[in-house]
Amino acid sequence: MSEKDLLNIRTALIISLSAMVLLILWRRLRQYILTKDMPAPLHAELLGLQLAYHPARLRVELKVPGDQRIRTRLLDQAHAPVHGWEDVLLPRGEHVVERTLPDEWSHYTTDGGGHDFAFFWQNLDEEPDDDWHPDFRKGLGFIRRRMEEKGDGSLAVSP
C-alpha cells in the first residue's frame, strides 16, 4: 500500500468520524428538545371544569389521545397533594370524570408566621351562623348572586 493510499484512507476516516460525531450530536439535541421543550402529545387535554354542589363534586371534562391511566389530585399552591382519588383507566376520546370532594380539608401557609386554614362546604341554602366574619358573609352573597345570574345553579369555569 502506497503512502498516497494511506493518506486517502486516513482522510476518509477523519471525514467519516466527523460526520458520525455530528449525527450523534444532532440526535442527542433533537431528543433533548423533544423531551424538554415540546408539549407532551400523550397528555390529556382539559376541556372543562365544573364545581357542583349537593353533594360537593368536581366534574372534569377530558380529551384523551390514547388509552391512559388518569391520576386526579387536588394540589395546594406549592403543588403538594391535598387530596387524591383512585386512578382511572380511560380509552381514547372525550370523557367526563366526576370526583366527590372531601367534606373538610385544611391548608397550611407560611406567610405571617404560618397559618393553618380549615375549609368546609357550606350548604348554600342555609344562612351562616353568628361566628362568620362579615367578609365571608359578603363572599357567600356574591356566590349566591352569581349562581342566580347563571340560572343553572353552577359556577362553571371553562378554559
N, C-alpha and C. Protein backbone atom coordinates (compact mmCIF):
# COMPACT_ATOMS: atom_id res chain seq x y z
N MET A 1 0.86 -1.15 0.00
CA MET A 1 0.00 0.00 0.00
C MET A 1 0.92 1.24 0.00
N SER A 2 0.59 2.13 -0.87
CA SER A 2 1.45 3.32 -1.00
C SER A 2 1.04 4.37 0.04
N GLU A 3 1.97 5.34 0.18
CA GLU A 3 1.72 6.41 1.13
C GLU A 3 0.52 7.24 0.71
N LYS A 4 0.29 7.38 -0.58
CA LYS A 4 -0.87 8.13 -1.09
C LYS A 4 -2.17 7.43 -0.71
N ASP A 5 -2.19 6.08 -0.80
CA ASP A 5 -3.38 5.32 -0.41
C ASP A 5 -3.67 5.47 1.09
N LEU A 6 -2.62 5.42 1.92
CA LEU A 6 -2.80 5.58 3.36
C LEU A 6 -3.33 6.98 3.69
N LEU A 7 -2.84 7.98 2.99
CA LEU A 7 -3.32 9.35 3.19
C LEU A 7 -4.80 9.46 2.82
N ASN A 8 -5.21 8.82 1.71
CA ASN A 8 -6.62 8.83 1.29
C ASN A 8 -7.52 8.12 2.31
N ILE A 9 -7.05 6.99 2.83
CA ILE A 9 -7.83 6.23 3.84
C ILE A 9 -7.95 7.06 5.12
N ARG A 10 -6.84 7.66 5.53
CA ARG A 10 -6.86 8.49 6.73
C ARG A 10 -7.83 9.66 6.57
N THR A 11 -7.82 10.30 5.43
CA THR A 11 -8.72 11.42 5.16
C THR A 11 -10.17 10.95 5.18
N ALA A 12 -10.45 9.80 4.56
CA ALA A 12 -11.81 9.25 4.53
C ALA A 12 -12.29 8.91 5.95
N LEU A 13 -11.40 8.34 6.78
CA LEU A 13 -11.77 8.00 8.15
C LEU A 13 -12.05 9.26 8.99
N ILE A 14 -11.24 10.29 8.81
CA ILE A 14 -11.46 11.53 9.54
C ILE A 14 -12.80 12.16 9.15
N ILE A 15 -13.10 12.17 7.86
CA ILE A 15 -14.38 12.73 7.40
C ILE A 15 -15.54 11.89 7.92
N SER A 16 -15.42 10.57 7.86
CA SER A 16 -16.49 9.67 8.34
C SER A 16 -16.70 9.84 9.84
N LEU A 17 -15.61 9.91 10.60
CA LEU A 17 -15.71 10.08 12.04
C LEU A 17 -16.37 11.42 12.38
N SER A 18 -15.99 12.49 11.67
CA SER A 18 -16.60 13.80 11.91
C SER A 18 -18.10 13.77 11.62
N ALA A 19 -18.48 13.11 10.52
CA ALA A 19 -19.90 13.01 10.16
C ALA A 19 -20.67 12.21 11.22
N MET A 20 -20.09 11.16 11.76
CA MET A 20 -20.75 10.34 12.79
C MET A 20 -20.92 11.14 14.08
N VAL A 21 -19.90 11.92 14.45
CA VAL A 21 -20.00 12.75 15.66
C VAL A 21 -21.11 13.79 15.49
N LEU A 22 -21.17 14.43 14.34
CA LEU A 22 -22.24 15.40 14.08
C LEU A 22 -23.61 14.74 14.14
N LEU A 23 -23.75 13.54 13.58
CA LEU A 23 -25.03 12.82 13.60
C LEU A 23 -25.44 12.49 15.04
N ILE A 24 -24.48 12.02 15.84
CA ILE A 24 -24.79 11.69 17.24
C ILE A 24 -25.20 12.94 18.01
N LEU A 25 -24.46 14.05 17.82
CA LEU A 25 -24.82 15.30 18.48
C LEU A 25 -26.20 15.79 18.06
N TRP A 26 -26.51 15.70 16.77
CA TRP A 26 -27.83 16.09 16.27
C TRP A 26 -28.94 15.26 16.92
N ARG A 27 -28.73 13.96 16.99
CA ARG A 27 -29.75 13.09 17.60
C ARG A 27 -29.95 13.41 19.07
N ARG A 28 -28.87 13.66 19.79
CA ARG A 28 -28.99 13.99 21.21
C ARG A 28 -29.70 15.33 21.40
N LEU A 29 -29.37 16.33 20.59
CA LEU A 29 -30.03 17.63 20.67
C LEU A 29 -31.52 17.49 20.36
N ARG A 30 -31.84 16.73 19.34
CA ARG A 30 -33.24 16.51 18.96
C ARG A 30 -34.00 15.83 20.10
N GLN A 31 -33.40 14.80 20.69
CA GLN A 31 -34.04 14.10 21.81
C GLN A 31 -34.23 15.04 23.00
N TYR A 32 -33.23 15.86 23.28
CA TYR A 32 -33.33 16.81 24.39
C TYR A 32 -34.48 17.79 24.16
N ILE A 33 -34.56 18.33 22.96
CA ILE A 33 -35.62 19.28 22.63
C ILE A 33 -36.99 18.62 22.74
N LEU A 34 -37.12 17.39 22.24
CA LEU A 34 -38.40 16.69 22.30
C LEU A 34 -38.83 16.41 23.74
N THR A 35 -37.87 16.09 24.60
CA THR A 35 -38.24 15.75 25.98
C THR A 35 -38.40 16.97 26.87
N LYS A 36 -37.69 18.06 26.60
CA LYS A 36 -37.71 19.22 27.49
C LYS A 36 -38.57 20.38 27.00
N ASP A 37 -38.60 20.62 25.70
CA ASP A 37 -39.22 21.85 25.19
C ASP A 37 -40.52 21.64 24.42
N MET A 38 -40.80 20.45 23.98
CA MET A 38 -42.01 20.21 23.19
C MET A 38 -43.15 19.80 24.12
N PRO A 39 -44.39 20.17 23.80
CA PRO A 39 -45.52 19.71 24.61
C PRO A 39 -45.68 18.20 24.49
N ALA A 40 -46.12 17.61 25.57
CA ALA A 40 -46.27 16.15 25.57
C ALA A 40 -47.52 15.76 24.80
N PRO A 41 -47.39 15.05 23.68
CA PRO A 41 -48.55 14.72 22.86
C PRO A 41 -49.46 13.66 23.49
N LEU A 42 -49.02 13.01 24.54
CA LEU A 42 -49.83 11.95 25.14
C LEU A 42 -50.59 12.41 26.38
N HIS A 43 -50.48 13.68 26.73
CA HIS A 43 -51.19 14.17 27.90
C HIS A 43 -52.66 14.40 27.58
N ALA A 44 -53.47 14.25 28.60
CA ALA A 44 -54.90 14.53 28.45
C ALA A 44 -55.10 16.04 28.36
N GLU A 45 -56.11 16.45 27.59
CA GLU A 45 -56.42 17.86 27.43
C GLU A 45 -57.65 18.19 28.27
N LEU A 46 -57.56 19.25 29.06
CA LEU A 46 -58.68 19.68 29.89
C LEU A 46 -59.65 20.48 29.03
N LEU A 47 -60.88 20.00 28.90
CA LEU A 47 -61.89 20.68 28.10
C LEU A 47 -62.82 21.54 28.95
N GLY A 48 -63.05 21.13 30.18
CA GLY A 48 -63.94 21.89 31.05
C GLY A 48 -63.82 21.44 32.48
N LEU A 49 -64.20 22.33 33.39
CA LEU A 49 -64.13 22.04 34.80
C LEU A 49 -65.31 22.71 35.47
N GLN A 50 -66.08 21.93 36.22
CA GLN A 50 -67.24 22.48 36.92
C GLN A 50 -67.22 22.00 38.36
N LEU A 51 -67.67 22.86 39.23
CA LEU A 51 -67.84 22.53 40.63
C LEU A 51 -69.33 22.40 40.88
N ALA A 52 -69.77 21.25 41.34
CA ALA A 52 -71.19 21.01 41.58
C ALA A 52 -71.40 20.80 43.08
N TYR A 53 -72.61 21.10 43.54
CA TYR A 53 -72.93 21.02 44.96
C TYR A 53 -74.04 20.00 45.18
N HIS A 54 -74.14 19.58 46.43
CA HIS A 54 -75.21 18.69 46.92
C HIS A 54 -75.26 17.37 46.16
N PRO A 55 -74.32 16.49 46.29
CA PRO A 55 -73.10 16.56 47.09
C PRO A 55 -72.01 17.32 46.34
N ALA A 56 -71.02 17.79 47.09
CA ALA A 56 -69.91 18.55 46.50
C ALA A 56 -69.07 17.62 45.64
N ARG A 57 -68.91 18.00 44.39
CA ARG A 57 -68.12 17.17 43.47
C ARG A 57 -67.50 18.03 42.38
N LEU A 58 -66.45 17.51 41.83
CA LEU A 58 -65.74 18.17 40.75
C LEU A 58 -66.04 17.39 39.47
N ARG A 59 -66.49 18.11 38.44
CA ARG A 59 -66.83 17.48 37.16
C ARG A 59 -65.77 17.94 36.15
N VAL A 60 -64.97 16.98 35.67
CA VAL A 60 -63.84 17.28 34.80
C VAL A 60 -64.10 16.68 33.43
N GLU A 61 -64.03 17.51 32.39
CA GLU A 61 -64.17 17.04 31.01
C GLU A 61 -62.78 16.95 30.40
N LEU A 62 -62.44 15.75 29.88
CA LEU A 62 -61.10 15.49 29.34
C LEU A 62 -61.16 14.95 27.92
N LYS A 63 -60.12 15.23 27.17
CA LYS A 63 -59.91 14.61 25.86
C LYS A 63 -58.61 13.83 25.97
N VAL A 64 -58.70 12.52 25.77
CA VAL A 64 -57.56 11.64 25.94
C VAL A 64 -57.11 11.14 24.57
N PRO A 65 -55.81 11.34 24.20
CA PRO A 65 -55.34 10.96 22.87
C PRO A 65 -55.15 9.45 22.68
N GLY A 66 -55.10 8.70 23.74
CA GLY A 66 -54.93 7.24 23.67
C GLY A 66 -55.23 6.66 25.03
N ASP A 67 -55.28 5.33 25.13
CA ASP A 67 -55.56 4.69 26.42
C ASP A 67 -54.56 5.19 27.46
N GLN A 68 -55.08 5.71 28.57
CA GLN A 68 -54.23 6.27 29.61
C GLN A 68 -54.81 6.05 30.99
N ARG A 69 -53.91 5.94 31.94
CA ARG A 69 -54.31 5.93 33.34
C ARG A 69 -54.31 7.38 33.80
N ILE A 70 -55.45 7.86 34.26
CA ILE A 70 -55.60 9.25 34.69
C ILE A 70 -55.53 9.30 36.20
N ARG A 71 -54.64 10.14 36.71
CA ARG A 71 -54.46 10.33 38.14
C ARG A 71 -54.98 11.72 38.48
N THR A 72 -55.98 11.80 39.36
CA THR A 72 -56.55 13.10 39.74
C THR A 72 -56.17 13.40 41.18
N ARG A 73 -55.71 14.63 41.40
CA ARG A 73 -55.30 15.09 42.71
C ARG A 73 -55.68 16.56 42.88
N LEU A 74 -56.02 16.95 44.10
CA LEU A 74 -56.13 18.36 44.46
C LEU A 74 -54.77 18.77 44.99
N LEU A 75 -54.22 19.88 44.46
CA LEU A 75 -52.91 20.34 44.87
C LEU A 75 -53.01 21.71 45.52
N ASP A 76 -52.10 21.98 46.44
CA ASP A 76 -52.05 23.32 47.00
C ASP A 76 -51.19 24.21 46.11
N GLN A 77 -50.97 25.46 46.52
CA GLN A 77 -50.24 26.39 45.65
C GLN A 77 -48.78 26.00 45.47
N ALA A 78 -48.24 25.14 46.31
CA ALA A 78 -46.87 24.63 46.16
C ALA A 78 -46.87 23.30 45.41
N HIS A 79 -48.02 22.91 44.85
CA HIS A 79 -48.21 21.68 44.10
C HIS A 79 -48.04 20.43 44.94
N ALA A 80 -48.24 20.55 46.24
CA ALA A 80 -48.24 19.38 47.12
C ALA A 80 -49.66 18.82 47.16
N PRO A 81 -49.81 17.49 47.13
CA PRO A 81 -51.16 16.90 47.15
C PRO A 81 -51.91 17.22 48.44
N VAL A 82 -53.16 17.65 48.28
CA VAL A 82 -54.05 17.90 49.40
C VAL A 82 -55.04 16.74 49.53
N HIS A 83 -55.48 16.24 48.38
CA HIS A 83 -56.43 15.13 48.34
C HIS A 83 -56.24 14.37 47.03
N GLY A 84 -56.44 13.06 47.07
CA GLY A 84 -56.31 12.26 45.85
C GLY A 84 -57.42 11.24 45.74
N TRP A 85 -57.67 10.78 44.53
CA TRP A 85 -58.68 9.77 44.25
C TRP A 85 -58.02 8.60 43.56
N GLU A 86 -58.77 7.52 43.42
CA GLU A 86 -58.26 6.35 42.71
C GLU A 86 -58.01 6.70 41.25
N ASP A 87 -56.96 6.12 40.67
CA ASP A 87 -56.68 6.31 39.26
C ASP A 87 -57.76 5.65 38.43
N VAL A 88 -57.97 6.15 37.23
CA VAL A 88 -58.97 5.59 36.33
C VAL A 88 -58.32 5.39 34.96
N LEU A 89 -58.61 4.25 34.33
CA LEU A 89 -58.08 3.97 33.00
C LEU A 89 -59.13 4.39 31.98
N LEU A 90 -58.75 5.33 31.10
CA LEU A 90 -59.68 5.85 30.10
C LEU A 90 -59.20 5.51 28.70
N PRO A 91 -60.11 5.08 27.83
CA PRO A 91 -59.73 4.86 26.43
C PRO A 91 -59.67 6.20 25.69
N ARG A 92 -59.22 6.16 24.48
CA ARG A 92 -59.11 7.37 23.65
C ARG A 92 -60.49 8.01 23.48
N GLY A 93 -60.53 9.35 23.49
CA GLY A 93 -61.77 10.06 23.27
C GLY A 93 -62.04 11.10 24.35
N GLU A 94 -63.25 11.65 24.32
CA GLU A 94 -63.66 12.66 25.30
C GLU A 94 -64.43 11.97 26.43
N HIS A 95 -64.13 12.37 27.65
CA HIS A 95 -64.74 11.73 28.82
C HIS A 95 -65.09 12.78 29.86
N VAL A 96 -66.04 12.45 30.72
CA VAL A 96 -66.38 13.25 31.89
C VAL A 96 -66.07 12.40 33.11
N VAL A 97 -65.24 12.94 33.99
CA VAL A 97 -64.86 12.25 35.23
C VAL A 97 -65.39 13.10 36.38
N GLU A 98 -66.18 12.48 37.26
CA GLU A 98 -66.69 13.19 38.43
C GLU A 98 -65.97 12.67 39.66
N ARG A 99 -65.53 13.59 40.49
CA ARG A 99 -64.81 13.27 41.72
C ARG A 99 -65.53 13.90 42.90
N THR A 100 -65.88 13.10 43.89
CA THR A 100 -66.51 13.60 45.11
C THR A 100 -65.46 14.34 45.92
N LEU A 101 -65.79 15.54 46.34
CA LEU A 101 -64.85 16.35 47.10
C LEU A 101 -64.96 16.03 48.58
N PRO A 102 -63.84 16.15 49.31
CA PRO A 102 -63.90 15.89 50.76
C PRO A 102 -64.78 16.92 51.46
N ASP A 103 -65.42 16.51 52.55
CA ASP A 103 -66.29 17.42 53.30
C ASP A 103 -65.50 18.53 53.98
N GLU A 104 -64.29 18.21 54.43
CA GLU A 104 -63.44 19.18 55.11
C GLU A 104 -62.00 18.95 54.68
N TRP A 105 -61.19 20.02 54.69
CA TRP A 105 -59.77 19.90 54.41
C TRP A 105 -59.08 21.11 55.00
N SER A 106 -57.76 21.02 55.09
CA SER A 106 -57.01 22.15 55.63
C SER A 106 -55.83 22.47 54.72
N HIS A 107 -55.33 23.69 54.87
CA HIS A 107 -54.21 24.15 54.07
C HIS A 107 -53.30 24.99 54.96
N TYR A 108 -52.02 24.63 55.00
CA TYR A 108 -51.06 25.38 55.80
C TYR A 108 -50.34 26.36 54.90
N THR A 109 -50.22 27.60 55.35
CA THR A 109 -49.49 28.63 54.62
C THR A 109 -48.42 29.22 55.53
N THR A 110 -47.28 29.55 54.95
CA THR A 110 -46.15 30.03 55.75
C THR A 110 -46.14 31.53 55.93
N ASP A 111 -47.01 32.26 55.25
CA ASP A 111 -47.00 33.72 55.39
C ASP A 111 -47.49 34.13 56.77
N GLY A 112 -46.97 35.27 57.25
CA GLY A 112 -47.38 35.79 58.55
C GLY A 112 -47.02 34.88 59.71
N GLY A 113 -45.95 34.12 59.58
CA GLY A 113 -45.54 33.22 60.65
C GLY A 113 -46.19 31.86 60.59
N GLY A 114 -47.05 31.63 59.61
CA GLY A 114 -47.69 30.33 59.44
C GLY A 114 -49.12 30.30 59.94
N HIS A 115 -49.99 29.84 59.08
CA HIS A 115 -51.40 29.71 59.43
C HIS A 115 -51.92 28.39 58.87
N ASP A 116 -52.80 27.77 59.62
CA ASP A 116 -53.45 26.54 59.18
C ASP A 116 -54.92 26.87 58.96
N PHE A 117 -55.34 26.91 57.68
CA PHE A 117 -56.71 27.24 57.34
C PHE A 117 -57.54 25.96 57.21
N ALA A 118 -58.67 25.93 57.86
CA ALA A 118 -59.59 24.80 57.78
C ALA A 118 -60.77 25.19 56.89
N PHE A 119 -61.09 24.34 55.92
CA PHE A 119 -62.17 24.61 54.98
C PHE A 119 -63.27 23.56 55.11
N PHE A 120 -64.48 23.95 54.71
CA PHE A 120 -65.62 23.03 54.72
C PHE A 120 -66.60 23.51 53.65
N TRP A 121 -67.52 22.64 53.28
CA TRP A 121 -68.55 23.01 52.32
C TRP A 121 -69.74 23.56 53.07
N GLN A 122 -70.19 24.73 52.68
CA GLN A 122 -71.36 25.36 53.28
C GLN A 122 -72.56 25.07 52.39
N ASN A 123 -73.63 24.61 52.98
CA ASN A 123 -74.86 24.46 52.24
C ASN A 123 -75.34 25.86 51.85
N LEU A 124 -75.47 26.12 50.57
CA LEU A 124 -75.78 27.47 50.10
C LEU A 124 -77.21 27.89 50.40
N ASP A 125 -78.05 26.94 50.77
CA ASP A 125 -79.43 27.27 51.12
C ASP A 125 -79.57 27.66 52.59
N GLU A 126 -78.54 27.39 53.39
CA GLU A 126 -78.58 27.71 54.81
C GLU A 126 -77.88 29.04 55.07
N GLU A 127 -78.39 29.77 56.05
CA GLU A 127 -77.76 31.02 56.44
C GLU A 127 -76.56 30.72 57.33
N PRO A 128 -75.50 31.52 57.21
CA PRO A 128 -74.33 31.31 58.07
C PRO A 128 -74.64 31.66 59.52
N ASP A 129 -73.93 31.02 60.45
CA ASP A 129 -74.19 31.31 61.86
C ASP A 129 -73.46 32.61 62.27
N ASP A 130 -73.60 32.97 63.53
CA ASP A 130 -73.08 34.25 64.03
C ASP A 130 -71.55 34.31 64.07
N ASP A 131 -70.88 33.17 63.97
CA ASP A 131 -69.42 33.15 64.03
C ASP A 131 -68.78 33.59 62.70
N TRP A 132 -69.56 33.73 61.66
CA TRP A 132 -69.00 34.08 60.35
C TRP A 132 -68.51 35.52 60.32
N HIS A 133 -67.35 35.72 59.75
CA HIS A 133 -66.78 37.07 59.56
C HIS A 133 -67.61 37.80 58.49
N PRO A 134 -67.78 39.12 58.60
CA PRO A 134 -68.56 39.87 57.60
C PRO A 134 -68.05 39.70 56.17
N ASP A 135 -66.73 39.58 55.99
CA ASP A 135 -66.18 39.37 54.63
C ASP A 135 -66.65 38.05 54.04
N PHE A 136 -66.72 37.01 54.88
CA PHE A 136 -67.18 35.71 54.39
C PHE A 136 -68.67 35.74 54.06
N ARG A 137 -69.42 36.50 54.83
CA ARG A 137 -70.85 36.67 54.53
C ARG A 137 -71.03 37.34 53.17
N LYS A 138 -70.21 38.38 52.90
CA LYS A 138 -70.26 39.06 51.59
C LYS A 138 -69.90 38.09 50.47
N GLY A 139 -68.90 37.27 50.72
CA GLY A 139 -68.48 36.29 49.72
C GLY A 139 -69.59 35.29 49.41
N LEU A 140 -70.29 34.83 50.45
CA LEU A 140 -71.40 33.91 50.26
C LEU A 140 -72.52 34.58 49.46
N GLY A 141 -72.78 35.85 49.74
CA GLY A 141 -73.78 36.59 48.97
C GLY A 141 -73.39 36.71 47.50
N PHE A 142 -72.11 36.97 47.24
CA PHE A 142 -71.63 37.05 45.86
C PHE A 142 -71.84 35.72 45.13
N ILE A 143 -71.50 34.63 45.78
CA ILE A 143 -71.67 33.31 45.16
C ILE A 143 -73.14 33.05 44.84
N ARG A 144 -74.01 33.36 45.78
CA ARG A 144 -75.45 33.15 45.55
C ARG A 144 -75.94 33.98 44.36
N ARG A 145 -75.52 35.26 44.28
CA ARG A 145 -75.92 36.11 43.14
C ARG A 145 -75.38 35.56 41.83
N ARG A 146 -74.15 35.12 41.83
CA ARG A 146 -73.54 34.59 40.60
C ARG A 146 -74.30 33.35 40.11
N MET A 147 -74.68 32.49 41.04
CA MET A 147 -75.42 31.29 40.67
C MET A 147 -76.80 31.65 40.13
N GLU A 148 -77.43 32.66 40.71
CA GLU A 148 -78.74 33.11 40.20
C GLU A 148 -78.61 33.70 38.80
N GLU A 149 -77.53 34.45 38.55
CA GLU A 149 -77.29 35.04 37.23
C GLU A 149 -77.12 33.97 36.16
N LYS A 150 -76.37 32.90 36.49
CA LYS A 150 -76.14 31.83 35.53
C LYS A 150 -77.42 31.05 35.26
N GLY A 151 -78.26 30.92 36.27
CA GLY A 151 -79.53 30.26 36.09
C GLY A 151 -79.49 28.75 36.14
N ASP A 152 -78.30 28.14 36.13
CA ASP A 152 -78.24 26.67 36.19
C ASP A 152 -77.69 26.18 37.51
N GLY A 153 -77.50 27.10 38.47
CA GLY A 153 -77.02 26.70 39.79
C GLY A 153 -75.57 26.29 39.85
N SER A 154 -74.77 26.72 38.88
CA SER A 154 -73.36 26.33 38.88
C SER A 154 -72.46 27.56 38.81
N LEU A 155 -71.20 27.33 39.07
CA LEU A 155 -70.17 28.36 38.91
C LEU A 155 -69.17 27.82 37.88
N ALA A 156 -69.64 27.37 36.74
CA ALA A 156 -68.81 26.68 35.76
C ALA A 156 -67.64 27.54 35.29
N VAL A 157 -66.49 26.89 35.13
CA VAL A 157 -65.30 27.53 34.61
C VAL A 157 -64.83 26.71 33.43
N SER A 158 -64.59 27.35 32.31
CA SER A 158 -64.07 26.64 31.13
C SER A 158 -62.80 27.32 30.68
N PRO A 159 -61.76 26.48 30.33
CA PRO A 159 -60.51 27.07 29.87
C PRO A 159 -60.65 27.72 28.52
